Amino acid sequence: MQQCVTELCRILLILKSHGVLANHRFLACLLFGKSRQTNIPAQAYRTLVAAHLSSPEAILRAGWDELVHLLDEAHYVRYDFSTATKPLEVSEELKRRTGA
């Protein structure tokens, strides 16, 4: 449990240091949670936000191919396809649970 709390604190500090807005934490947590580096997920975050993909609804509209394209554009090169798949799965689950 302590390790999970430490990891969460680390991610939240990284998000704060990169100026992540509260309403974008959903996206940022998905990106920063996969990597120990901060510059690559930060670039991916900025790229997706610039493409207006910071909400679950926007991510679902964009789809997997667009996410892969944007992650590649952001030089998120050490990702497997789960990096594009996970935001879609989480977005779909949030949509299902909230009815939005």
C-alpha atoms as a PDB file:
ATOM      1  CA  MET A   1       0.000   0.000   0.000  1.00  0.00           C
ATOM      2  CA  GLN A   2       2.799   2.412   0.886  1.00  0.00           C
ATOM      3  CA  GLN A   3       4.341   1.879  -2.557  1.00  0.00           C
ATOM      4  CA  CYS A   4       1.024   2.798  -4.240  1.00  0.00           C
ATOM      5  CA  VAL A   5       0.745   5.975  -2.157  1.00  0.00           C
ATOM      6  CA  THR A   6       4.343   6.880  -2.973  1.00  0.00           C
ATOM      7  CA  GLU A   7       3.722   6.307  -6.697  1.00  0.00           C
ATOM      8  CA  LEU A   8       0.540   8.388  -6.626  1.00  0.00           C
ATOM      9  CA  CYS A   9       2.366  11.228  -4.844  1.00  0.00           C
ATOM     10  CA  ARG A  10       5.157  11.053  -7.417  1.00  0.00           C
ATOM     11  CA  ILE A  11       2.662  11.283 -10.285  1.00  0.00           C
ATOM     12  CA  LEU A  12       0.754  14.171  -8.692  1.00  0.00           C
ATOM     13  CA  LEU A  13       3.990  16.114  -8.127  1.00  0.00           C
ATOM     14  CA  ILE A  14       4.999  15.555 -11.741  1.00  0.00           C
ATOM     15  CA  LEU A  15       1.582  16.735 -12.916  1.00  0.00           C
ATOM     16  CA  LYS A  16       1.849  19.859 -10.791  1.00  0.00           C
ATOM     17  CA  SER A  17       5.371  20.598 -12.043  1.00  0.00           C
ATOM     18  CA  HIS A  18       4.137  20.403 -15.643  1.00  0.00           C
ATOM     19  CA  GLY A  19       1.192  22.697 -14.963  1.00  0.00           C
ATOM     20  CA  VAL A  20      -1.488  20.074 -15.526  1.00  0.00           C
ATOM     21  CA  LEU A  21      -4.948  21.529 -15.028  1.00  0.00           C
ATOM     22  CA  ALA A  22      -7.336  19.750 -12.670  1.00  0.00           C
ATOM     23  CA  ASN A  23      -9.772  18.858 -15.445  1.00  0.00           C
ATOM     24  CA  HIS A  24      -6.952  17.252 -17.433  1.00  0.00           C
ATOM     25  CA  ARG A  25      -5.764  14.929 -14.668  1.00  0.00           C
ATOM     26  CA  PHE A  26      -7.665  12.023 -16.204  1.00  0.00           C
ATOM     27  CA  LEU A  27      -5.499  12.132 -19.318  1.00  0.00           C
ATOM     28  CA  ALA A  28      -2.301  13.026 -17.507  1.00  0.00           C
ATOM     29  CA  CYS A  29      -2.590  10.164 -15.023  1.00  0.00           C
ATOM     30  CA  LEU A  30      -2.941   7.698 -17.868  1.00  0.00           C
ATOM     31  CA  LEU A  31       0.178   9.023 -19.606  1.00  0.00           C
ATOM     32  CA  PHE A  32       2.440   9.754 -16.638  1.00  0.00           C
ATOM     33  CA  GLY A  33       1.476   6.531 -14.872  1.00  0.00           C
ATOM     34  CA  LYS A  34       3.179   4.404 -17.530  1.00  0.00           C
ATOM     35  CA  SER A  35       6.598   6.012 -17.461  1.00  0.00           C
ATOM     36  CA  ARG A  36       9.319   6.923 -15.006  1.00  0.00           C
ATOM     37  CA  GLN A  37      10.435   9.688 -17.350  1.00  0.00           C
ATOM     38  CA  THR A  38       8.619  12.999 -17.275  1.00  0.00           C
ATOM     39  CA  ASN A  39       9.555  14.754 -20.511  1.00  0.00           C
ATOM     40  CA  ILE A  40       8.054  12.196 -22.913  1.00  0.00           C
ATOM     41  CA  PRO A  41       4.680  11.836 -21.147  1.00  0.00           C
ATOM     42  CA  ALA A  42       4.626  15.631 -20.742  1.00  0.00           C
ATOM     43  CA  GLN A  43       5.056  16.069 -24.501  1.00  0.00           C
ATOM     44  CA  ALA A  44       2.377  13.455 -25.182  1.00  0.00           C
ATOM     45  CA  TYR A  45       0.069  15.250 -22.749  1.00  0.00           C
ATOM     46  CA  ARG A  46       0.653  18.612 -24.459  1.00  0.00           C
ATOM     47  CA  THR A  47       0.096  17.061 -27.892  1.00  0.00           C
ATOM     48  CA  LEU A  48      -3.190  15.418 -26.893  1.00  0.00           C
ATOM     49  CA  VAL A  49      -4.437  18.556 -25.114  1.00  0.00           C
ATOM     50  CA  ALA A  50      -3.546  20.658 -28.178  1.00  0.00           C
ATOM     51  CA  ALA A  51      -5.660  18.233 -30.219  1.00  0.00           C
ATOM     52  CA  HIS A  52      -8.514  18.790 -27.715  1.00  0.00           C
ATOM     53  CA  LEU A  53      -8.320  15.199 -26.434  1.00  0.00           C
ATOM     54  CA  SER A  54      -8.366  15.752 -22.681  1.00  0.00           C
ATOM     55  CA  SER A  55     -11.807  14.376 -21.859  1.00  0.00           C
ATOM     56  CA  PRO A  56     -13.121  10.811 -22.039  1.00  0.00           C
ATOM     57  CA  GLU A  57     -15.697  11.907 -24.634  1.00  0.00           C
ATOM     58  CA  ALA A  58     -13.058  13.470 -26.888  1.00  0.00           C
ATOM     59  CA  ILE A  59     -10.830  10.418 -26.594  1.00  0.00           C
ATOM     60  CA  LEU A  60     -13.686   8.133 -27.609  1.00  0.00           C
ATOM     61  CA  ARG A  61     -14.509  10.361 -30.601  1.00  0.00           C
ATOM     62  CA  ALA A  62     -10.868  10.363 -31.723  1.00  0.00           C
ATOM     63  CA  GLY A  63     -10.474   6.606 -31.640  1.00  0.00           C
ATOM     64  CA  TRP A  64      -7.475   4.326 -31.463  1.00  0.00           C
ATOM     65  CA  ASP A  65      -5.833   5.250 -34.778  1.00  0.00           C
ATOM     66  CA  GLU A  66      -5.814   8.969 -33.941  1.00  0.00           C
ATOM     67  CA  LEU A  67      -4.408   8.292 -30.465  1.00  0.00           C
ATOM     68  CA  VAL A  68      -1.603   6.182 -31.923  1.00  0.00           C
ATOM     69  CA  HIS A  69      -0.869   8.903 -34.490  1.00  0.00           C
ATOM     70  CA  LEU A  70      -0.703  11.650 -31.848  1.00  0.00           C
ATOM     71  CA  LEU A  71       1.409   9.575 -29.438  1.00  0.00           C
ATOM     72  CA  ASP A  72       3.825   8.885 -32.273  1.00  0.00           C
ATOM     73  CA  GLU A  73       3.875  12.595 -33.133  1.00  0.00           C
ATOM     74  CA  ALA A  74       4.764  13.329 -29.502  1.00  0.00           C
ATOM     75  CA  HIS A  75       7.728  10.913 -29.710  1.00  0.00           C
ATOM     76  CA  TYR A  76       6.140   8.557 -27.203  1.00  0.00           C
ATOM     77  CA  VAL A  77       8.163   5.842 -28.923  1.00  0.00           C
ATOM     78  CA  ARG A  78       8.553   3.344 -26.099  1.00  0.00           C
ATOM     79  CA  TYR A  79       4.882   2.580 -25.857  1.00  0.00           C
ATOM     80  CA  ASP A  80       3.004  -0.526 -26.682  1.00  0.00           C
ATOM     81  CA  PHE A  81      -0.439  -0.318 -28.162  1.00  0.00           C
ATOM     82  CA  SER A  82      -1.947  -0.438 -24.681  1.00  0.00           C
ATOM     83  CA  THR A  83      -0.967   3.233 -24.319  1.00  0.00           C
ATOM     84  CA  ALA A  84      -3.545   4.028 -26.988  1.00  0.00           C
ATOM     85  CA  THR A  85      -5.956   1.294 -25.887  1.00  0.00           C
ATOM     86  CA  LYS A  86      -6.064   2.115 -22.158  1.00  0.00           C
ATOM     87  CA  PRO A  87      -7.497   5.660 -22.493  1.00  0.00           C
ATOM     88  CA  LEU A  88     -10.222   4.261 -24.746  1.00  0.00           C
ATOM     89  CA  GLU A  89     -11.060   1.487 -22.279  1.00  0.00           C
ATOM     90  CA  VAL A  90     -11.098   3.850 -19.301  1.00  0.00           C
ATOM     91  CA  SER A  91     -13.172   6.407 -21.224  1.00  0.00           C
ATOM     92  CA  GLU A  92     -15.692   3.756 -22.216  1.00  0.00           C
ATOM     93  CA  GLU A  93     -15.957   2.539 -18.625  1.00  0.00           C
ATOM     94  CA  LEU A  94     -16.445   6.087 -17.340  1.00  0.00           C
ATOM     95  CA  LYS A  95     -19.137   6.652 -19.953  1.00  0.00           C
ATOM     96  CA  ARG A  96     -20.847   3.407 -18.958  1.00  0.00           C
ATOM     97  CA  ARG A  97     -20.727   4.201 -15.236  1.00  0.00           C
ATOM     98  CA  THR A  98     -21.813   7.823 -15.485  1.00  0.00           C
ATOM     99  CA  GLY A  99     -24.281   7.413 -18.312  1.00  0.00           C
ATOM    100  CA  ALA A 100     -22.673  10.330 -20.125  1.00  0.00           C
END
